[in-house]
């Protein structure tokens, strides 16, 4: 999975909430699927940034033991998920979270891949692994070193490897506790739509939306992904014109801010 696009694509991606660079949340946390599930169940999609802080820090809905842990949890979850209706990726993620409950593990993973460069750096060794094969820890370390150079010491890199392996297990790409073995995920229409939206955020269009580094975690061919996007279209989540020499996927309706503006 590419580290970051260049030029205008970088600026546009960052404006939508995608994050680039060498730092990331996986130095201390995983994608925290259970926590984000509880948080989104507690708060509506229209919740403001302050509402998330109130729920995590003051109300302690995630049942953390200390005030310091609650504050750090809020900070790390905001890094991974935005937790702010002013951030486009957060709006789209929450919209699809409600629209496709079955897709939530992959939706969470895609959001965190977009927001955490360290997790993104581990994608290639995980996704290139044949189904049934054990994840080699050293391959993940090499990928992280290539992405970060000498900016992160070995002890922290080791922690990133463990956290990333846990995240890929939560998303369904790996199974096992000590030995992490690759398995194939079964995406639904929500993650397919989200992957297309992320590609569009980096100025991809047409058929390139079906074969980007955002669609690779879905373990499906472009044709299979197109079928999922057409399911999303049938649910009114996006617009698509396919056939007669025309291939156009318009993901802008996935953003509730766009839908509200139009309607």
Protein backbone atom coordinates (compact mmCIF):
# COMPACT_ATOMS: atom_id res chain seq x y z
CA UNK A 1 0.00 0.00 0.00
CA UNK A 2 1.49 3.33 -1.06
CA UNK A 3 2.76 5.63 1.64
CA UNK A 4 1.41 8.87 0.26
CA UNK A 5 0.36 10.44 -3.02
CA UNK A 6 2.10 13.44 -4.50
CA UNK A 7 1.19 17.03 -5.23
CA UNK A 8 -2.46 18.01 -5.46
CA UNK A 9 -3.62 14.50 -4.52
CA UNK A 10 -1.81 14.82 -1.20
CA UNK A 11 -3.46 18.16 -0.43
CA UNK A 12 -6.93 16.96 -1.43
CA UNK A 13 -6.56 13.71 0.53
CA UNK A 14 -5.44 15.58 3.63
CA UNK A 15 -8.33 18.03 3.29
CA UNK A 16 -10.80 15.13 3.54
CA UNK A 17 -9.14 13.74 6.67
CA UNK A 18 -6.55 11.34 5.25
CA UNK A 19 -3.24 11.54 7.10
CA UNK A 20 0.30 11.10 5.80
CA UNK A 21 3.82 11.09 7.24
CA UNK A 22 5.81 8.71 9.42
CA UNK A 23 3.96 8.96 12.75
CA UNK A 24 0.96 6.91 13.72
CA UNK A 25 -1.33 5.71 16.48
CA UNK A 26 -0.22 2.08 16.26
CA UNK A 27 2.78 2.86 18.46
CA UNK A 28 0.34 2.52 21.37
CA UNK A 29 -3.07 1.31 20.13
CA UNK A 30 -4.86 -1.02 17.72
CA UNK A 31 -7.92 -0.05 15.64
CA UNK A 32 -9.93 -0.54 18.87
CA UNK A 33 -12.91 -2.09 17.09
CA UNK A 34 -14.79 -2.89 20.30
CA UNK A 35 -14.32 0.64 21.65
CA UNK A 36 -15.40 2.42 18.47
CA UNK A 37 -18.42 0.12 18.23
CA UNK A 38 -19.48 1.04 21.76
CA UNK A 39 -18.81 4.72 21.12
CA UNK A 40 -20.86 4.89 17.93
CA UNK A 41 -23.68 2.98 19.59
CA UNK A 42 -23.75 5.62 22.34
CA UNK A 43 -23.57 8.71 20.12
CA UNK A 44 -25.51 9.71 17.03
CA UNK A 45 -23.82 10.41 13.68
CA UNK A 46 -24.54 14.10 14.25
CA UNK A 47 -22.55 14.19 17.50
CA UNK A 48 -20.13 17.10 17.77
CA UNK A 49 -16.44 16.83 18.57
CA UNK A 50 -17.12 17.93 22.15
CA UNK A 51 -19.76 15.21 22.53
CA UNK A 52 -17.17 12.51 21.89
CA UNK A 53 -14.84 14.01 24.47
CA UNK A 54 -17.68 14.25 26.95
CA UNK A 55 -18.68 10.62 26.43
CA UNK A 56 -15.16 9.17 26.63
CA UNK A 57 -13.49 11.42 29.22
CA UNK A 58 -16.28 12.63 31.48
CA UNK A 59 -18.96 9.93 31.20
CA UNK A 60 -16.40 7.12 30.80
CA UNK A 61 -18.68 5.07 28.56
CA UNK A 62 -15.69 2.94 27.52
CA UNK A 63 -15.03 1.97 31.17
CA UNK A 64 -11.41 3.04 31.42
CA UNK A 65 -9.85 2.89 34.86
CA UNK A 66 -8.23 6.32 35.20
CA UNK A 67 -8.78 9.86 34.00
CA UNK A 68 -5.41 9.77 32.25
CA UNK A 69 -6.38 6.60 30.36
CA UNK A 70 -9.72 8.12 29.37
CA UNK A 71 -8.03 11.24 27.99
CA UNK A 72 -5.45 9.19 26.09
CA UNK A 73 -8.15 6.91 24.69
CA UNK A 74 -10.06 9.93 23.40
CA UNK A 75 -6.90 11.33 21.81
CA UNK A 76 -5.99 8.06 20.09
CA UNK A 77 -9.52 7.39 18.86
CA UNK A 78 -9.72 10.92 17.46
CA UNK A 79 -6.45 10.26 15.63
CA UNK A 80 -7.84 7.07 14.09
CA UNK A 81 -11.46 8.02 13.43
CA UNK A 82 -11.62 11.82 13.32
CA UNK A 83 -14.52 12.02 15.80
CA UNK A 84 -15.47 15.39 14.37
CA UNK A 85 -18.36 16.11 11.97
CA UNK A 86 -16.18 18.77 10.37
CA UNK A 87 -13.89 16.00 9.07
CA UNK A 88 -15.18 14.44 5.84
CA UNK A 89 -13.78 10.97 6.41
CA UNK A 90 -15.54 10.82 9.76
CA UNK A 91 -18.87 11.80 8.22
CA UNK A 92 -18.59 9.19 5.48
CA UNK A 93 -17.40 6.51 7.89
CA UNK A 94 -20.29 7.06 10.28
CA UNK A 95 -22.81 7.18 7.43
CA UNK A 96 -21.64 3.80 6.13
CA UNK A 97 -21.33 2.41 9.68
CA UNK A 98 -25.08 2.79 10.08
CA UNK A 99 -25.91 1.74 6.51
CA UNK A 100 -23.93 -1.51 6.60
CA UNK A 101 -23.54 -3.09 10.07
CA UNK A 102 -22.05 -6.27 8.58
CA UNK A 103 -19.24 -4.22 7.07
CA UNK A 104 -18.12 -2.53 10.28
CA UNK A 105 -14.82 -4.39 10.87
CA UNK A 106 -13.63 -3.53 7.35
CA UNK A 107 -15.01 0.01 7.56
CA UNK A 108 -13.00 0.53 10.75
CA UNK A 109 -9.88 -0.88 9.17
CA UNK A 110 -10.16 1.32 6.07
CA UNK A 111 -10.68 4.44 8.17
CA UNK A 112 -7.63 3.61 10.28
CA UNK A 113 -5.53 2.81 7.21
CA UNK A 114 -6.41 6.25 5.89
CA UNK A 115 -5.61 7.93 9.21
CA UNK A 116 -2.55 5.99 10.42
CA UNK A 117 0.54 5.81 8.19
CA UNK A 118 2.09 3.14 10.42
CA UNK A 119 -0.82 0.75 9.97
CA UNK A 120 -0.78 1.55 6.25
CA UNK A 121 2.90 0.55 6.11
CA UNK A 122 2.01 -2.94 7.34
CA UNK A 123 -0.60 -3.53 4.63
CA UNK A 124 1.65 -5.03 1.96
CA UNK A 125 3.18 -7.83 4.06
CA UNK A 126 -0.28 -8.77 5.35
CA UNK A 127 -2.26 -8.51 2.12
CA UNK A 128 0.38 -10.20 -0.05
CA UNK A 129 0.40 -13.22 2.25
CA UNK A 130 -1.30 -16.30 0.72
CA UNK A 131 -4.38 -17.55 2.55
CA UNK A 132 -3.41 -20.11 5.19
CA UNK A 133 0.15 -18.86 5.60
CA UNK A 134 1.57 -17.51 8.85
CA UNK A 135 2.47 -13.82 8.98
CA UNK A 136 6.28 -13.43 9.22
CA UNK A 137 7.04 -10.81 11.85
CA UNK A 138 10.27 -9.83 10.11
CA UNK A 139 8.45 -8.89 6.89
CA UNK A 140 6.31 -6.44 8.85
CA UNK A 141 9.38 -4.99 10.56
CA UNK A 142 11.12 -4.48 7.22
CA UNK A 143 8.08 -2.68 5.81
CA UNK A 144 7.92 -0.41 8.86
CA UNK A 145 11.63 0.39 8.69
CA UNK A 146 11.27 1.30 5.01
CA UNK A 147 8.41 3.64 5.89
CA UNK A 148 9.97 5.27 8.94
CA UNK A 149 13.73 5.07 8.45
CA UNK A 150 15.50 5.43 11.78
CA UNK A 151 12.86 7.67 13.35
CA UNK A 152 11.36 4.90 15.51
CA UNK A 153 13.48 2.69 17.77
CA UNK A 154 13.33 -1.10 17.77
CA UNK A 155 11.31 -1.40 20.97
CA UNK A 156 8.56 0.85 19.60
CA UNK A 157 8.66 -0.87 16.20
CA UNK A 158 8.12 -4.17 17.96
CA UNK A 159 5.05 -2.72 19.65
CA UNK A 160 3.74 -1.44 16.30
CA UNK A 161 4.09 -4.95 14.86
CA UNK A 162 2.05 -6.43 17.72
CA UNK A 163 -0.62 -3.74 17.54
CA UNK A 164 -0.89 -3.95 13.77
CA UNK A 165 -1.21 -7.75 13.90
CA UNK A 166 -4.05 -7.31 16.38
CA UNK A 167 -5.73 -4.74 14.13
CA UNK A 168 -5.54 -7.01 11.09
CA UNK A 169 -7.01 -9.77 13.26
CA UNK A 170 -9.90 -7.54 14.34
CA UNK A 171 -10.62 -6.74 10.69
CA UNK A 172 -10.69 -10.45 9.78
CA UNK A 173 -7.53 -10.63 7.65
CA UNK A 174 -5.64 -12.69 10.24
CA UNK A 175 -6.69 -15.35 12.73
CA UNK A 176 -4.99 -16.86 15.74
CA UNK A 177 -3.56 -15.50 18.97
CA UNK A 178 0.17 -16.25 18.88
CA UNK A 179 0.50 -17.48 15.30
CA UNK A 180 -1.23 -15.05 12.96
CA UNK A 181 -2.50 -16.81 9.82
CA UNK A 182 -3.89 -15.07 6.76
CA UNK A 183 -7.52 -15.56 5.87
CA UNK A 184 -9.72 -14.03 3.18
CA UNK A 185 -12.24 -11.40 4.21
CA UNK A 186 -15.79 -11.19 2.87
CA UNK A 187 -16.55 -7.55 2.09
CA UNK A 188 -20.02 -6.05 1.78
CA UNK A 189 -21.22 -2.97 -0.10
CA UNK A 190 -20.24 -0.50 2.65
CA UNK A 191 -16.48 -1.15 2.66
CA UNK A 192 -16.47 -1.26 -1.16
CA UNK A 193 -18.13 2.17 -1.26
CA UNK A 194 -15.74 3.53 1.38
CA UNK A 195 -12.71 2.26 -0.54
CA UNK A 196 -14.02 3.97 -3.68
CA UNK A 197 -14.56 7.20 -1.73
CA UNK A 198 -10.99 7.05 -0.40
CA UNK A 199 -9.69 6.56 -3.93
CA UNK A 200 -11.72 9.52 -5.14
CA UNK A 201 -10.27 11.57 -2.27
CA UNK A 202 -6.88 10.96 -3.88
CA UNK A 203 -8.23 11.99 -7.31
CA UNK A 204 -8.66 8.50 -8.74
CA UNK A 205 -11.60 7.97 -11.04
CA UNK A 206 -13.20 5.46 -13.40
CA UNK A 207 -11.97 1.90 -13.25
CA UNK A 208 -8.99 2.97 -11.14
CA UNK A 209 -11.39 3.14 -8.20
CA UNK A 210 -11.70 -0.64 -8.42
CA UNK A 211 -7.97 -1.42 -8.26
CA UNK A 212 -6.44 1.11 -5.89
CA UNK A 213 -4.48 0.47 -2.71
CA UNK A 214 -7.74 1.19 -0.86
CA UNK A 215 -9.56 -1.72 -2.50
CA UNK A 216 -6.74 -4.20 -1.94
CA UNK A 217 -7.77 -4.93 1.69
CA UNK A 218 -11.15 -6.15 0.41
CA UNK A 219 -9.67 -9.33 -1.13
CA UNK A 220 -11.87 -9.12 -4.22
CA UNK A 221 -11.42 -8.68 -7.97
CA UNK A 222 -12.44 -5.44 -9.68
CA UNK A 223 -15.50 -7.18 -11.15
CA UNK A 224 -16.61 -8.38 -7.72
CA UNK A 225 -16.06 -4.91 -6.27
CA UNK A 226 -18.13 -3.39 -9.05
CA UNK A 227 -21.00 -5.68 -8.07
CA UNK A 228 -20.73 -4.39 -4.50
CA UNK A 229 -20.68 -0.77 -5.67
CA UNK A 230 -23.81 -1.40 -7.70
CA UNK A 231 -25.43 -2.73 -4.53
CA UNK A 232 -24.46 0.54 -2.85
CA UNK A 233 -26.02 2.39 -5.77
CA UNK A 234 -29.25 0.43 -5.35
CA UNK A 235 -29.35 1.63 -1.75
CA UNK A 236 -28.96 5.24 -2.86
CA UNK A 237 -25.50 5.61 -1.35
CA UNK A 238 -23.66 6.63 -4.52
CA UNK A 239 -24.18 7.17 -8.24
CA UNK A 240 -22.83 4.85 -10.92
CA UNK A 241 -23.02 4.71 -14.70
CA UNK A 242 -21.56 1.55 -16.17
CA UNK A 243 -21.99 0.32 -19.73
CA UNK A 244 -21.99 1.56 -23.30
CA UNK A 245 -18.37 2.54 -23.01
CA UNK A 246 -19.08 4.69 -19.93
CA UNK A 247 -17.67 3.94 -16.50
CA UNK A 248 -18.37 6.56 -13.88
CA UNK A 249 -18.60 6.14 -10.12
CA UNK A 250 -19.64 9.25 -8.20
CA UNK A 251 -18.97 8.82 -4.48
CA UNK A 252 -19.86 12.36 -3.40
CA UNK A 253 -23.34 11.32 -2.13
CA UNK A 254 -21.59 9.19 0.52
CA UNK A 255 -20.84 12.39 2.43
CA UNK A 256 -23.90 13.49 4.42
CA UNK A 257 -22.72 17.09 4.11
CA UNK A 258 -23.07 16.80 0.34
CA UNK A 259 -26.47 15.13 0.62
CA UNK A 260 -27.74 17.81 2.97
CA UNK A 261 -26.45 20.54 0.67
CA UNK A 262 -28.13 18.98 -2.36
CA UNK A 263 -31.41 18.37 -0.62
